[in-house]
């Protein structure tokens, strides 16, 4: 696997993890809403003030859970944005590494050419020396 695949896989796993947590919180909220609604229905024949107090308590609890879920969603979205930023930085570094590899390859090629030129010149000089003896 390339590092891009590994980063994409890590990002997908992280996003999947966050989505599962959001789903769990949503399921919990729905379960609590259902539980609260059942409790409210059971107490409907009670005194009017008790009903009103219970309704307020349940609505506040639901609003609190909604707020918690919204905070988790914001936190997860922030973390995903952080991961995206890290991924972008990784891409930049990868491009820099590739450019450096290409520069090294060109330098190596130039050194090989210079070495070959030097060896050719040395042989030519050796032949000149031999011809003057």
N, C-alpha and C. Protein backbone atom coordinates (compact mmCIF):
# COMPACT_ATOMS: atom_id res chain seq x y z
N UNK A 1 0.84 -1.19 0.00
CA UNK A 1 0.00 0.00 0.00
C UNK A 1 0.88 1.24 0.00
N UNK A 2 0.47 2.24 -0.74
CA UNK A 2 1.19 3.50 -0.73
C UNK A 2 0.81 4.27 0.53
N UNK A 3 1.60 5.26 0.83
CA UNK A 3 1.29 6.06 2.03
C UNK A 3 -0.03 6.78 1.84
N UNK A 4 -0.36 7.15 0.56
CA UNK A 4 -1.65 7.82 0.34
C UNK A 4 -2.81 6.87 0.68
N UNK A 5 -2.65 5.59 0.27
CA UNK A 5 -3.69 4.60 0.59
C UNK A 5 -3.81 4.42 2.08
N UNK A 6 -2.65 4.38 2.77
CA UNK A 6 -2.68 4.20 4.22
C UNK A 6 -3.34 5.39 4.92
N UNK A 7 -3.01 6.60 4.44
CA UNK A 7 -3.62 7.80 5.03
C UNK A 7 -5.12 7.82 4.76
N UNK A 8 -5.49 7.48 3.50
CA UNK A 8 -6.92 7.46 3.15
C UNK A 8 -7.65 6.40 3.99
N UNK A 9 -6.99 5.25 4.18
CA UNK A 9 -7.60 4.18 4.98
C UNK A 9 -7.76 4.63 6.44
N UNK A 10 -6.70 5.29 6.96
CA UNK A 10 -6.77 5.79 8.34
C UNK A 10 -7.89 6.82 8.48
N UNK A 11 -7.98 7.70 7.49
CA UNK A 11 -9.02 8.73 7.51
C UNK A 11 -10.41 8.10 7.44
N UNK A 12 -10.56 7.10 6.58
CA UNK A 12 -11.86 6.43 6.44
C UNK A 12 -12.23 5.71 7.74
N UNK A 13 -11.24 5.04 8.36
CA UNK A 13 -11.51 4.36 9.63
C UNK A 13 -11.90 5.36 10.71
N UNK A 14 -11.21 6.49 10.75
CA UNK A 14 -11.51 7.52 11.75
C UNK A 14 -12.92 8.06 11.52
N UNK A 15 -13.25 8.35 10.26
CA UNK A 15 -14.58 8.88 9.93
C UNK A 15 -15.65 7.84 10.28
N UNK A 16 -15.37 6.56 9.99
CA UNK A 16 -16.32 5.49 10.31
C UNK A 16 -16.52 5.40 11.83
N UNK A 17 -15.41 5.52 12.57
CA UNK A 17 -15.48 5.49 14.04
C UNK A 17 -16.37 6.64 14.54
N UNK A 18 -16.15 7.84 14.01
CA UNK A 18 -16.94 8.98 14.43
C UNK A 18 -18.41 8.77 14.06
N UNK A 19 -18.66 8.24 12.87
CA UNK A 19 -20.04 8.03 12.44
C UNK A 19 -20.73 7.03 13.36
N UNK A 20 -20.02 5.97 13.76
CA UNK A 20 -20.61 4.98 14.68
C UNK A 20 -20.94 5.62 16.02
N UNK A 21 -20.07 6.50 16.51
CA UNK A 21 -20.35 7.17 17.78
C UNK A 21 -21.57 8.08 17.65
N UNK A 22 -21.65 8.79 16.52
CA UNK A 22 -22.82 9.66 16.29
C UNK A 22 -24.08 8.82 16.22
N UNK A 23 -24.03 7.68 15.51
CA UNK A 23 -25.19 6.79 15.41
C UNK A 23 -25.60 6.27 16.79
N UNK A 24 -24.61 5.91 17.60
CA UNK A 24 -24.89 5.41 18.95
C UNK A 24 -25.56 6.50 19.78
N UNK A 25 -25.02 7.72 19.69
CA UNK A 25 -25.63 8.82 20.44
C UNK A 25 -27.05 9.10 19.95
N UNK A 26 -27.26 9.03 18.66
CA UNK A 26 -28.60 9.25 18.09
C UNK A 26 -29.55 8.17 18.57
N UNK A 27 -29.09 6.91 18.54
CA UNK A 27 -29.93 5.80 19.03
C UNK A 27 -30.27 5.99 20.51
N UNK A 28 -29.28 6.40 21.28
CA UNK A 28 -29.50 6.65 22.71
C UNK A 28 -30.53 7.75 22.89
N UNK A 29 -30.40 8.82 22.12
CA UNK A 29 -31.35 9.92 22.21
C UNK A 29 -32.76 9.45 21.85
N UNK A 30 -32.88 8.68 20.78
CA UNK A 30 -34.21 8.18 20.37
C UNK A 30 -34.79 7.27 21.45
N UNK A 31 -33.94 6.43 22.02
CA UNK A 31 -34.40 5.54 23.09
C UNK A 31 -34.86 6.34 24.30
N UNK A 32 -34.07 7.37 24.65
CA UNK A 32 -34.46 8.20 25.79
C UNK A 32 -35.73 8.98 25.49
N UNK A 33 -35.87 9.46 24.27
CA UNK A 33 -37.10 10.17 23.90
C UNK A 33 -38.30 9.23 24.03
N UNK A 34 -38.14 8.00 23.55
CA UNK A 34 -39.23 7.02 23.63
C UNK A 34 -39.55 6.72 25.09
N UNK A 35 -38.49 6.54 25.88
CA UNK A 35 -38.67 6.26 27.31
C UNK A 35 -39.37 7.43 28.00
N UNK A 36 -38.92 8.64 27.69
CA UNK A 36 -39.53 9.82 28.30
C UNK A 36 -41.00 9.95 27.86
N UNK A 37 -41.28 9.69 26.60
CA UNK A 37 -42.65 9.79 26.09
C UNK A 37 -43.55 8.77 26.79
N UNK A 38 -43.04 7.56 27.01
CA UNK A 38 -43.81 6.51 27.72
C UNK A 38 -44.10 6.93 29.15
N UNK A 39 -43.05 7.46 29.79
CA UNK A 39 -43.21 7.92 31.16
C UNK A 39 -44.24 9.05 31.24
N UNK A 40 -44.18 9.95 30.28
CA UNK A 40 -45.13 11.06 30.23
C UNK A 40 -46.56 10.55 30.05
N UNK A 41 -46.74 9.59 29.15
CA UNK A 41 -48.09 9.02 28.91
C UNK A 41 -48.63 8.36 30.18
N UNK A 42 -47.78 7.69 30.93
CA UNK A 42 -48.19 7.01 32.16
C UNK A 42 -48.67 8.00 33.21
N UNK A 43 -48.04 9.18 33.22
CA UNK A 43 -48.36 10.17 34.24
C UNK A 43 -49.42 11.19 33.81
N UNK A 44 -50.01 10.99 32.62
CA UNK A 44 -50.97 11.99 32.10
C UNK A 44 -52.18 12.18 33.00
N UNK A 45 -52.54 11.16 33.79
CA UNK A 45 -53.72 11.27 34.65
C UNK A 45 -53.38 11.93 36.00
N UNK A 46 -52.12 12.26 36.18
CA UNK A 46 -51.69 12.89 37.44
C UNK A 46 -52.10 14.35 37.48
N UNK A 47 -51.80 14.95 38.56
CA UNK A 47 -52.09 16.37 38.76
C UNK A 47 -51.44 17.21 37.66
N UNK A 48 -52.12 18.29 37.24
CA UNK A 48 -51.67 19.11 36.12
C UNK A 48 -50.28 19.70 36.34
N UNK A 49 -49.98 20.14 37.53
CA UNK A 49 -48.66 20.70 37.82
C UNK A 49 -47.56 19.65 37.68
N UNK A 50 -47.84 18.44 38.15
CA UNK A 50 -46.86 17.36 38.02
C UNK A 50 -46.58 17.07 36.55
N UNK A 51 -47.64 17.09 35.75
CA UNK A 51 -47.46 16.87 34.31
C UNK A 51 -46.59 17.95 33.70
N UNK A 52 -46.89 19.21 34.03
CA UNK A 52 -46.13 20.32 33.46
C UNK A 52 -44.67 20.25 33.89
N UNK A 53 -44.41 19.95 35.16
CA UNK A 53 -43.04 19.83 35.66
C UNK A 53 -42.29 18.69 34.97
N UNK A 54 -42.98 17.58 34.81
CA UNK A 54 -42.36 16.43 34.16
C UNK A 54 -42.01 16.76 32.71
N UNK A 55 -42.97 17.40 32.02
CA UNK A 55 -42.74 17.77 30.62
C UNK A 55 -41.51 18.67 30.50
N UNK A 56 -41.42 19.64 31.39
CA UNK A 56 -40.27 20.55 31.35
C UNK A 56 -38.96 19.79 31.58
N UNK A 57 -38.99 18.87 32.56
CA UNK A 57 -37.78 18.10 32.86
C UNK A 57 -37.36 17.25 31.65
N UNK A 58 -38.35 16.59 31.04
CA UNK A 58 -38.04 15.76 29.88
C UNK A 58 -37.54 16.59 28.70
N UNK A 59 -38.20 17.70 28.45
CA UNK A 59 -37.77 18.55 27.35
C UNK A 59 -36.36 19.09 27.59
N UNK A 60 -36.09 19.45 28.84
CA UNK A 60 -34.74 19.91 29.17
C UNK A 60 -33.70 18.81 28.97
N UNK A 61 -34.07 17.59 29.38
CA UNK A 61 -33.14 16.46 29.21
C UNK A 61 -32.89 16.21 27.72
N UNK A 62 -33.95 16.27 26.92
CA UNK A 62 -33.79 16.07 25.47
C UNK A 62 -32.95 17.20 24.88
N UNK A 63 -33.21 18.42 25.28
CA UNK A 63 -32.43 19.56 24.79
C UNK A 63 -30.96 19.41 25.18
N UNK A 64 -30.73 18.92 26.39
CA UNK A 64 -29.35 18.71 26.85
C UNK A 64 -28.67 17.65 25.98
N UNK A 65 -29.38 16.53 25.72
CA UNK A 65 -28.81 15.48 24.87
C UNK A 65 -28.57 15.99 23.46
N UNK A 66 -29.52 16.79 22.95
CA UNK A 66 -29.33 17.38 21.62
C UNK A 66 -28.07 18.25 21.61
N UNK A 67 -27.89 19.02 22.67
CA UNK A 67 -26.69 19.86 22.79
C UNK A 67 -25.42 19.02 22.85
N UNK A 68 -25.46 17.93 23.61
CA UNK A 68 -24.30 17.04 23.69
C UNK A 68 -23.97 16.45 22.33
N UNK A 69 -25.01 16.00 21.63
CA UNK A 69 -24.79 15.41 20.30
C UNK A 69 -24.21 16.46 19.36
N UNK A 70 -24.73 17.66 19.43
CA UNK A 70 -24.21 18.73 18.57
C UNK A 70 -22.74 19.01 18.89
N UNK A 71 -22.39 18.99 20.18
CA UNK A 71 -20.99 19.19 20.57
C UNK A 71 -20.11 18.08 20.02
N UNK A 72 -20.58 16.83 20.11
CA UNK A 72 -19.81 15.71 19.57
C UNK A 72 -19.65 15.84 18.06
N UNK A 73 -20.72 16.21 17.39
CA UNK A 73 -20.64 16.37 15.93
C UNK A 73 -19.62 17.45 15.58
N UNK A 74 -19.67 18.58 16.28
CA UNK A 74 -18.70 19.66 16.03
C UNK A 74 -17.28 19.20 16.31
N UNK A 75 -17.11 18.45 17.41
CA UNK A 75 -15.78 17.95 17.76
C UNK A 75 -15.28 16.99 16.67
N UNK A 76 -16.15 16.08 16.23
CA UNK A 76 -15.75 15.11 15.21
C UNK A 76 -15.46 15.81 13.89
N UNK A 77 -16.29 16.80 13.53
CA UNK A 77 -16.03 17.54 12.29
C UNK A 77 -14.71 18.29 12.38
N UNK A 78 -14.42 18.85 13.56
CA UNK A 78 -13.13 19.53 13.76
C UNK A 78 -11.97 18.56 13.61
N UNK A 79 -12.13 17.37 14.18
CA UNK A 79 -11.06 16.36 14.08
C UNK A 79 -10.87 15.92 12.63
N UNK A 80 -11.98 15.76 11.91
CA UNK A 80 -11.88 15.38 10.49
C UNK A 80 -11.18 16.50 9.71
N UNK A 81 -11.50 17.75 10.03
CA UNK A 81 -10.83 18.89 9.36
C UNK A 81 -9.33 18.86 9.68
N UNK A 82 -8.98 18.54 10.93
CA UNK A 82 -7.56 18.42 11.31
C UNK A 82 -6.89 17.32 10.51
N UNK A 83 -7.58 16.19 10.36
CA UNK A 83 -7.01 15.08 9.58
C UNK A 83 -6.83 15.49 8.12
N UNK A 84 -7.78 16.24 7.58
CA UNK A 84 -7.65 16.72 6.20
C UNK A 84 -6.42 17.63 6.07
N UNK A 85 -6.24 18.49 7.07
CA UNK A 85 -5.08 19.40 7.04
C UNK A 85 -3.78 18.60 7.12
N UNK A 86 -3.74 17.60 8.00
CA UNK A 86 -2.55 16.75 8.11
C UNK A 86 -2.29 16.03 6.80
N UNK A 87 -3.35 15.58 6.15
CA UNK A 87 -3.22 14.90 4.87
C UNK A 87 -2.63 15.84 3.83
N UNK A 88 -3.10 17.08 3.80
CA UNK A 88 -2.57 18.06 2.85
C UNK A 88 -1.08 18.30 3.10
N UNK A 89 -0.70 18.42 4.37
CA UNK A 89 0.71 18.61 4.70
C UNK A 89 1.53 17.41 4.25
N UNK A 90 0.97 16.22 4.43
CA UNK A 90 1.66 14.99 4.01
C UNK A 90 1.85 14.99 2.50
N UNK A 91 0.83 15.44 1.76
CA UNK A 91 0.95 15.52 0.30
C UNK A 91 2.08 16.47 -0.10
N UNK A 92 2.17 17.61 0.58
CA UNK A 92 3.21 18.59 0.27
C UNK A 92 4.59 17.96 0.50
N UNK A 93 4.75 17.30 1.63
CA UNK A 93 6.04 16.66 1.95
C UNK A 93 6.35 15.59 0.91
N UNK A 94 5.35 14.82 0.52
CA UNK A 94 5.57 13.78 -0.48
C UNK A 94 6.04 14.38 -1.80
N UNK A 95 5.43 15.50 -2.20
CA UNK A 95 5.86 16.16 -3.45
C UNK A 95 7.29 16.68 -3.31
N UNK A 96 7.62 17.21 -2.15
CA UNK A 96 8.99 17.70 -1.93
C UNK A 96 9.99 16.56 -2.00
N UNK A 97 9.63 15.42 -1.41
CA UNK A 97 10.51 14.24 -1.45
C UNK A 97 10.69 13.78 -2.89
N UNK A 98 9.60 13.74 -3.65
CA UNK A 98 9.69 13.31 -5.05
C UNK A 98 10.58 14.27 -5.85
N UNK A 99 10.43 15.57 -5.62
CA UNK A 99 11.25 16.56 -6.33
C UNK A 99 12.73 16.36 -5.97
N UNK A 100 13.00 16.09 -4.70
CA UNK A 100 14.38 15.86 -4.25
C UNK A 100 14.95 14.60 -4.89
N UNK A 101 14.15 13.56 -4.99
CA UNK A 101 14.59 12.32 -5.65
C UNK A 101 14.94 12.59 -7.12
N UNK A 102 14.09 13.38 -7.76
CA UNK A 102 14.35 13.70 -9.17
C UNK A 102 15.63 14.52 -9.31
N UNK A 103 15.86 15.48 -8.41
CA UNK A 103 17.11 16.27 -8.45
C UNK A 103 18.31 15.36 -8.24
N UNK A 104 18.20 14.43 -7.31
CA UNK A 104 19.31 13.51 -7.05
C UNK A 104 19.59 12.64 -8.27
N UNK A 105 18.53 12.19 -8.93
CA UNK A 105 18.71 11.36 -10.12
C UNK A 105 19.44 12.14 -11.21
N UNK A 106 19.07 13.42 -11.38
CA UNK A 106 19.74 14.26 -12.38
C UNK A 106 21.21 14.46 -12.00
N UNK A 107 21.47 14.75 -10.73
CA UNK A 107 22.85 14.94 -10.28
C UNK A 107 23.67 13.67 -10.49
N UNK A 108 23.08 12.54 -10.19
CA UNK A 108 23.77 11.26 -10.36
C UNK A 108 24.11 11.04 -11.84
N UNK A 109 23.13 11.34 -12.68
CA UNK A 109 23.35 11.19 -14.12
C UNK A 109 24.49 12.09 -14.58
N UNK A 110 24.52 13.33 -14.10
CA UNK A 110 25.58 14.27 -14.47
C UNK A 110 26.94 13.76 -13.97
N UNK A 111 26.97 13.23 -12.76
CA UNK A 111 28.22 12.68 -12.23
C UNK A 111 28.71 11.51 -13.05
N UNK A 112 27.77 10.66 -13.47
CA UNK A 112 28.15 9.51 -14.31
C UNK A 112 28.73 10.01 -15.63
N UNK A 113 28.07 11.02 -16.24
CA UNK A 113 28.58 11.57 -17.50
C UNK A 113 29.98 12.17 -17.30
N UNK A 114 30.16 12.92 -16.21
CA UNK A 114 31.47 13.52 -15.93
C UNK A 114 32.53 12.45 -15.73
N UNK A 115 32.14 11.38 -15.02
CA UNK A 115 33.08 10.28 -14.80
C UNK A 115 33.46 9.64 -16.13
N UNK A 116 32.46 9.40 -16.97
CA UNK A 116 32.74 8.80 -18.28
C UNK A 116 33.62 9.72 -19.12
N UNK A 117 33.36 11.02 -19.11
CA UNK A 117 34.19 11.98 -19.85
C UNK A 117 35.62 11.96 -19.33
N UNK A 118 35.76 11.92 -18.00
CA UNK A 118 37.10 11.90 -17.41
C UNK A 118 37.84 10.63 -17.80
N UNK A 119 37.15 9.51 -17.78
CA UNK A 119 37.79 8.23 -18.15
C UNK A 119 38.19 8.25 -19.63
N UNK A 120 37.33 8.81 -20.47
CA UNK A 120 37.65 8.91 -21.90
C UNK A 120 38.86 9.81 -22.10
N UNK A 121 38.89 10.93 -21.42
CA UNK A 121 40.01 11.86 -21.53
C UNK A 121 41.29 11.21 -21.03
N UNK A 122 41.21 10.44 -19.96
CA UNK A 122 42.39 9.74 -19.39
C UNK A 122 42.95 8.76 -20.40
N UNK A 123 42.05 8.01 -21.04
CA UNK A 123 42.51 7.03 -22.04
C UNK A 123 43.16 7.75 -23.22
N UNK A 124 42.58 8.90 -23.62
CA UNK A 124 43.15 9.65 -24.73
C UNK A 124 44.55 10.14 -24.37
N UNK A 125 44.70 10.62 -23.11
CA UNK A 125 46.02 11.09 -22.68
C UNK A 125 47.03 9.95 -22.60
N UNK A 126 46.56 8.78 -22.12
CA UNK A 126 47.46 7.61 -22.06
C UNK A 126 47.94 7.23 -23.46
N UNK A 127 47.03 7.30 -24.44
CA UNK A 127 47.41 6.97 -25.83
C UNK A 127 48.40 8.00 -26.37
N UNK A 128 48.20 9.26 -25.99
CA UNK A 128 49.12 10.32 -26.43
C UNK A 128 50.52 10.06 -25.87
N UNK A 129 50.54 9.67 -24.56
CA UNK A 129 51.83 9.39 -23.92
C UNK A 129 52.50 8.24 -24.62
N UNK A 130 51.76 7.19 -24.93
CA UNK A 130 52.31 6.00 -25.59
C UNK A 130 52.83 6.36 -26.98
N UNK A 131 52.14 7.22 -27.69
CA UNK A 131 52.55 7.56 -29.06
C UNK A 131 53.80 8.44 -29.06
N UNK A 132 54.09 9.14 -27.98
CA UNK A 132 55.29 10.00 -27.91
C UNK A 132 56.49 9.24 -27.37
N UNK A 133 56.34 8.02 -27.00
CA UNK A 133 57.50 7.28 -26.45
C UNK A 133 58.27 6.57 -27.53
